[in-house]
Amino acid sequence: MLLHEFSHGQFFTRPDYQKACWKFWTEALGDSERQLFRTYLAQHDYDAGNEVLMVNETQALLMHTPDPRAFNSAALGVSEARLAHWRKRFQQVGMPSGADVGLLR
C-alpha cells in the first residue's frame, strides 16, 4: 500500500507525471474502459464525478498496487491480459524520468 500512497504524492507534486496520467486516461482508455474504473471506484465510496480523483486513483491502482488481494482484473471484470495491456500502455504514454518507481512491470 505504500507504493499506492506514494504514487498519489507523485501525482500531485510532479506535473510531468500528472500529465502522463491524464494522457493515459484520455488517450489510452476509451469511454467504456474509463467507466469500468469509475464503477469500481464508486463501489468503494469514491466520487465518480471527480475527474481528478478518478485519474489519480486509477494510476495508483493500476500501476502501484501490486498485491492482487487489494486490486486485480476480476475487480474490474476484465481479463488478466486486458489489465496487463493497460499497464503496458500506461508505461508507453511518456512516463517522465524517475516516475517509474514502483511501477508494475
N, C-alpha and C. Protein backbone atom coordinates (compact mmCIF):
# COMPACT_ATOMS: atom_id res chain seq x y z
N MET A 1 0.81 -1.19 0.00
CA MET A 1 0.00 0.00 0.00
C MET A 1 0.86 1.26 0.00
N LEU A 2 2.09 1.13 0.48
CA LEU A 2 2.95 2.32 0.49
C LEU A 2 3.22 2.82 -0.93
N LEU A 3 3.44 1.90 -1.87
CA LEU A 3 3.65 2.32 -3.26
C LEU A 3 2.42 3.04 -3.79
N HIS A 4 1.26 2.52 -3.47
CA HIS A 4 0.00 3.13 -3.89
C HIS A 4 -0.08 4.57 -3.36
N GLU A 5 0.18 4.75 -2.08
CA GLU A 5 0.10 6.09 -1.49
C GLU A 5 1.21 7.00 -2.01
N PHE A 6 2.38 6.46 -2.21
CA PHE A 6 3.49 7.23 -2.77
C PHE A 6 3.12 7.77 -4.14
N SER A 7 2.41 6.99 -4.93
CA SER A 7 2.05 7.43 -6.27
C SER A 7 1.11 8.63 -6.24
N HIS A 8 0.29 8.75 -5.19
CA HIS A 8 -0.56 9.94 -5.07
C HIS A 8 0.31 11.18 -4.86
N GLY A 9 1.38 11.01 -4.10
CA GLY A 9 2.32 12.12 -3.91
C GLY A 9 2.96 12.53 -5.22
N GLN A 10 3.36 11.56 -6.02
CA GLN A 10 3.94 11.87 -7.33
C GLN A 10 2.92 12.60 -8.20
N PHE A 11 1.69 12.13 -8.16
CA PHE A 11 0.64 12.72 -8.99
C PHE A 11 0.48 14.21 -8.67
N PHE A 12 0.52 14.57 -7.39
CA PHE A 12 0.29 15.96 -7.00
C PHE A 12 1.53 16.84 -6.99
N THR A 13 2.72 16.24 -6.99
CA THR A 13 3.93 17.05 -6.91
C THR A 13 4.77 17.06 -8.18
N ARG A 14 4.45 16.18 -9.11
CA ARG A 14 5.21 16.10 -10.36
C ARG A 14 4.29 16.38 -11.54
N PRO A 15 4.30 17.61 -12.04
CA PRO A 15 3.43 17.95 -13.17
C PRO A 15 3.64 17.03 -14.37
N ASP A 16 4.88 16.59 -14.60
CA ASP A 16 5.14 15.71 -15.74
C ASP A 16 4.48 14.34 -15.54
N TYR A 17 4.47 13.85 -14.32
CA TYR A 17 3.82 12.57 -14.03
C TYR A 17 2.30 12.72 -14.15
N GLN A 18 1.77 13.79 -13.60
CA GLN A 18 0.34 14.02 -13.68
C GLN A 18 -0.11 14.15 -15.14
N LYS A 19 0.69 14.82 -15.94
CA LYS A 19 0.37 14.96 -17.37
C LYS A 19 0.32 13.58 -18.05
N ALA A 20 1.27 12.71 -17.73
CA ALA A 20 1.28 11.36 -18.30
C ALA A 20 0.06 10.57 -17.85
N CYS A 21 -0.35 10.74 -16.60
CA CYS A 21 -1.55 10.05 -16.09
C CYS A 21 -2.80 10.51 -16.83
N TRP A 22 -2.91 11.82 -17.04
CA TRP A 22 -4.05 12.35 -17.79
C TRP A 22 -4.03 11.86 -19.24
N LYS A 23 -2.85 11.80 -19.82
CA LYS A 23 -2.75 11.32 -21.20
C LYS A 23 -3.23 9.88 -21.29
N PHE A 24 -2.82 9.05 -20.34
CA PHE A 24 -3.28 7.67 -20.32
C PHE A 24 -4.80 7.63 -20.20
N TRP A 25 -5.35 8.38 -19.27
CA TRP A 25 -6.79 8.39 -19.00
C TRP A 25 -7.58 8.83 -20.23
N THR A 26 -7.11 9.86 -20.91
CA THR A 26 -7.88 10.42 -22.02
C THR A 26 -7.58 9.79 -23.37
N GLU A 27 -6.37 9.25 -23.55
CA GLU A 27 -5.99 8.73 -24.86
C GLU A 27 -5.87 7.21 -24.93
N ALA A 28 -5.42 6.59 -23.85
CA ALA A 28 -5.21 5.14 -23.89
C ALA A 28 -6.45 4.36 -23.50
N LEU A 29 -7.31 4.98 -22.71
CA LEU A 29 -8.56 4.32 -22.31
C LEU A 29 -9.72 4.91 -23.08
N GLY A 30 -10.65 4.06 -23.47
CA GLY A 30 -11.87 4.52 -24.10
C GLY A 30 -12.92 4.83 -23.05
N ASP A 31 -14.05 5.37 -23.49
CA ASP A 31 -15.12 5.71 -22.56
C ASP A 31 -15.57 4.53 -21.71
N SER A 32 -15.76 3.38 -22.34
CA SER A 32 -16.23 2.21 -21.60
C SER A 32 -15.17 1.71 -20.62
N GLU A 33 -13.92 1.86 -20.95
CA GLU A 33 -12.84 1.44 -20.06
C GLU A 33 -12.75 2.39 -18.86
N ARG A 34 -12.87 3.69 -19.13
CA ARG A 34 -12.89 4.65 -18.02
C ARG A 34 -14.08 4.36 -17.10
N GLN A 35 -15.20 3.96 -17.69
CA GLN A 35 -16.39 3.65 -16.90
C GLN A 35 -16.16 2.47 -15.97
N LEU A 36 -15.38 1.50 -16.41
CA LEU A 36 -15.06 0.37 -15.53
C LEU A 36 -14.37 0.85 -14.25
N PHE A 37 -13.42 1.75 -14.42
CA PHE A 37 -12.72 2.29 -13.25
C PHE A 37 -13.65 3.15 -12.41
N ARG A 38 -14.49 3.98 -13.06
CA ARG A 38 -15.45 4.80 -12.32
C ARG A 38 -16.38 3.94 -11.47
N THR A 39 -16.90 2.89 -12.08
CA THR A 39 -17.82 2.00 -11.37
C THR A 39 -17.13 1.33 -10.19
N TYR A 40 -15.93 0.81 -10.43
CA TYR A 40 -15.18 0.16 -9.36
C TYR A 40 -14.93 1.15 -8.21
N LEU A 41 -14.48 2.34 -8.55
CA LEU A 41 -14.17 3.32 -7.51
C LEU A 41 -15.42 3.80 -6.79
N ALA A 42 -16.51 3.98 -7.51
CA ALA A 42 -17.77 4.39 -6.88
C ALA A 42 -18.23 3.33 -5.88
N GLN A 43 -18.01 2.07 -6.21
CA GLN A 43 -18.38 0.97 -5.30
C GLN A 43 -17.56 1.01 -4.02
N HIS A 44 -16.44 1.72 -4.06
CA HIS A 44 -15.57 1.86 -2.89
C HIS A 44 -15.68 3.27 -2.30
N ASP A 45 -16.81 3.91 -2.55
CA ASP A 45 -17.16 5.21 -1.96
C ASP A 45 -16.32 6.39 -2.45
N TYR A 46 -15.79 6.30 -3.65
CA TYR A 46 -15.12 7.44 -4.27
C TYR A 46 -16.15 8.20 -5.10
N ASP A 47 -15.96 9.49 -5.23
CA ASP A 47 -16.85 10.34 -6.02
C ASP A 47 -16.50 10.17 -7.50
N ALA A 48 -17.30 9.40 -8.21
CA ALA A 48 -17.03 9.11 -9.62
C ALA A 48 -17.17 10.34 -10.51
N GLY A 49 -17.73 11.41 -9.99
CA GLY A 49 -17.85 12.64 -10.76
C GLY A 49 -16.63 13.54 -10.63
N ASN A 50 -15.70 13.18 -9.78
CA ASN A 50 -14.48 13.96 -9.58
C ASN A 50 -13.40 13.40 -10.50
N GLU A 51 -13.20 14.08 -11.61
CA GLU A 51 -12.29 13.56 -12.66
C GLU A 51 -10.85 13.45 -12.18
N VAL A 52 -10.38 14.42 -11.41
CA VAL A 52 -9.01 14.36 -10.89
C VAL A 52 -8.85 13.13 -10.00
N LEU A 53 -9.82 12.89 -9.15
CA LEU A 53 -9.79 11.73 -8.27
C LEU A 53 -9.78 10.43 -9.08
N MET A 54 -10.58 10.38 -10.14
CA MET A 54 -10.63 9.17 -10.96
C MET A 54 -9.28 8.89 -11.61
N VAL A 55 -8.64 9.91 -12.16
CA VAL A 55 -7.33 9.74 -12.79
C VAL A 55 -6.30 9.33 -11.75
N ASN A 56 -6.29 10.01 -10.62
CA ASN A 56 -5.30 9.74 -9.59
C ASN A 56 -5.47 8.33 -9.01
N GLU A 57 -6.68 7.93 -8.69
CA GLU A 57 -6.88 6.60 -8.13
C GLU A 57 -6.61 5.51 -9.17
N THR A 58 -6.97 5.78 -10.42
CA THR A 58 -6.71 4.78 -11.46
C THR A 58 -5.23 4.52 -11.61
N GLN A 59 -4.42 5.57 -11.66
CA GLN A 59 -2.97 5.35 -11.81
C GLN A 59 -2.42 4.61 -10.60
N ALA A 60 -2.91 4.94 -9.41
CA ALA A 60 -2.40 4.28 -8.20
C ALA A 60 -2.79 2.80 -8.16
N LEU A 61 -4.03 2.52 -8.52
CA LEU A 61 -4.47 1.12 -8.53
C LEU A 61 -3.77 0.33 -9.63
N LEU A 62 -3.80 0.89 -10.81
CA LEU A 62 -3.30 0.17 -11.98
C LEU A 62 -1.80 -0.10 -11.90
N MET A 63 -1.04 0.88 -11.49
CA MET A 63 0.41 0.77 -11.60
C MET A 63 1.16 0.64 -10.28
N HIS A 64 0.49 0.89 -9.17
CA HIS A 64 1.21 0.92 -7.90
C HIS A 64 0.52 0.11 -6.80
N THR A 65 -0.31 -0.83 -7.19
CA THR A 65 -0.96 -1.71 -6.21
C THR A 65 -0.67 -3.15 -6.64
N PRO A 66 0.51 -3.64 -6.28
CA PRO A 66 0.94 -4.95 -6.77
C PRO A 66 0.24 -6.14 -6.13
N ASP A 67 -0.34 -5.98 -4.96
CA ASP A 67 -0.97 -7.11 -4.27
C ASP A 67 -2.35 -7.37 -4.87
N PRO A 68 -2.54 -8.52 -5.51
CA PRO A 68 -3.83 -8.81 -6.14
C PRO A 68 -4.98 -8.93 -5.14
N ARG A 69 -4.67 -9.03 -3.86
CA ARG A 69 -5.74 -9.03 -2.86
C ARG A 69 -6.33 -7.63 -2.70
N ALA A 70 -5.55 -6.62 -3.09
CA ALA A 70 -6.01 -5.24 -2.99
C ALA A 70 -6.64 -4.75 -4.29
N PHE A 71 -6.13 -5.24 -5.43
CA PHE A 71 -6.66 -4.85 -6.73
C PHE A 71 -6.24 -5.89 -7.75
N ASN A 72 -7.20 -6.30 -8.60
CA ASN A 72 -6.91 -7.30 -9.63
C ASN A 72 -7.89 -7.16 -10.77
N SER A 73 -7.67 -7.91 -11.82
CA SER A 73 -8.50 -7.81 -13.02
C SER A 73 -9.96 -8.18 -12.74
N ALA A 74 -10.18 -9.16 -11.88
CA ALA A 74 -11.55 -9.59 -11.57
C ALA A 74 -12.35 -8.46 -10.92
N ALA A 75 -11.67 -7.59 -10.18
CA ALA A 75 -12.36 -6.47 -9.55
C ALA A 75 -13.00 -5.54 -10.58
N LEU A 76 -12.38 -5.45 -11.75
CA LEU A 76 -12.91 -4.63 -12.83
C LEU A 76 -13.78 -5.42 -13.79
N GLY A 77 -13.71 -6.73 -13.68
CA GLY A 77 -14.47 -7.57 -14.59
C GLY A 77 -13.81 -7.71 -15.95
N VAL A 78 -12.47 -7.69 -15.95
CA VAL A 78 -11.72 -7.85 -17.20
C VAL A 78 -10.73 -9.00 -17.04
N SER A 79 -10.16 -9.41 -18.15
CA SER A 79 -9.17 -10.49 -18.12
C SER A 79 -7.82 -9.98 -17.61
N GLU A 80 -7.00 -10.93 -17.17
CA GLU A 80 -5.62 -10.58 -16.78
C GLU A 80 -4.88 -9.96 -17.97
N ALA A 81 -5.13 -10.47 -19.15
CA ALA A 81 -4.47 -9.94 -20.35
C ALA A 81 -4.86 -8.49 -20.59
N ARG A 82 -6.11 -8.15 -20.36
CA ARG A 82 -6.56 -6.77 -20.57
C ARG A 82 -5.91 -5.84 -19.56
N LEU A 83 -5.85 -6.28 -18.32
CA LEU A 83 -5.20 -5.47 -17.29
C LEU A 83 -3.72 -5.29 -17.61
N ALA A 84 -3.07 -6.34 -18.04
CA ALA A 84 -1.65 -6.26 -18.42
C ALA A 84 -1.46 -5.30 -19.60
N HIS A 85 -2.39 -5.31 -20.54
CA HIS A 85 -2.34 -4.40 -21.68
C HIS A 85 -2.40 -2.95 -21.21
N TRP A 86 -3.32 -2.64 -20.30
CA TRP A 86 -3.41 -1.27 -19.78
C TRP A 86 -2.15 -0.86 -19.05
N ARG A 87 -1.59 -1.77 -18.29
CA ARG A 87 -0.35 -1.45 -17.57
C ARG A 87 0.78 -1.14 -18.55
N LYS A 88 0.86 -1.90 -19.60
CA LYS A 88 1.89 -1.65 -20.62
C LYS A 88 1.64 -0.30 -21.30
N ARG A 89 0.40 -0.03 -21.65
CA ARG A 89 0.06 1.23 -22.30
C ARG A 89 0.39 2.43 -21.40
N PHE A 90 0.14 2.28 -20.10
CA PHE A 90 0.44 3.34 -19.15
C PHE A 90 1.92 3.73 -19.24
N GLN A 91 2.76 2.73 -19.33
CA GLN A 91 4.20 3.00 -19.40
C GLN A 91 4.61 3.58 -20.75
N GLN A 92 3.78 3.40 -21.77
CA GLN A 92 4.11 3.88 -23.11
C GLN A 92 3.66 5.31 -23.38
N VAL A 93 2.90 5.91 -22.47
CA VAL A 93 2.36 7.24 -22.75
C VAL A 93 3.35 8.37 -22.47
N GLY A 94 4.56 8.01 -22.20
CA GLY A 94 5.58 9.04 -21.99
C GLY A 94 5.89 9.29 -20.53
N MET A 95 6.06 8.21 -19.77
CA MET A 95 6.42 8.36 -18.37
C MET A 95 7.69 9.18 -18.24
N PRO A 96 7.67 10.20 -17.40
CA PRO A 96 8.86 11.01 -17.20
C PRO A 96 9.95 10.25 -16.46
N SER A 97 11.16 10.66 -16.64
CA SER A 97 12.30 10.04 -15.97
C SER A 97 12.10 10.07 -14.46
N GLY A 98 12.36 8.93 -13.83
CA GLY A 98 12.26 8.83 -12.38
C GLY A 98 10.86 8.58 -11.85
N ALA A 99 9.86 8.59 -12.71
CA ALA A 99 8.48 8.40 -12.27
C ALA A 99 8.09 6.93 -12.21
N ASP A 100 8.99 6.06 -12.58
CA ASP A 100 8.63 4.65 -12.66
C ASP A 100 8.91 3.89 -11.35
N VAL A 101 9.20 4.59 -10.29
CA VAL A 101 9.45 3.93 -9.01
C VAL A 101 8.18 3.19 -8.60
N GLY A 102 8.29 1.88 -8.51
CA GLY A 102 7.16 1.07 -8.07
C GLY A 102 6.21 0.66 -9.18
N LEU A 103 6.42 1.13 -10.39
CA LEU A 103 5.51 0.75 -11.47
C LEU A 103 5.52 -0.76 -11.65
N LEU A 104 4.34 -1.31 -11.76
CA LEU A 104 4.24 -2.73 -12.04
C LEU A 104 4.81 -3.02 -13.40
N ARG A 105 5.46 -4.11 -13.55
CA ARG A 105 6.06 -4.46 -14.84
C ARG A 105 5.37 -5.66 -15.41
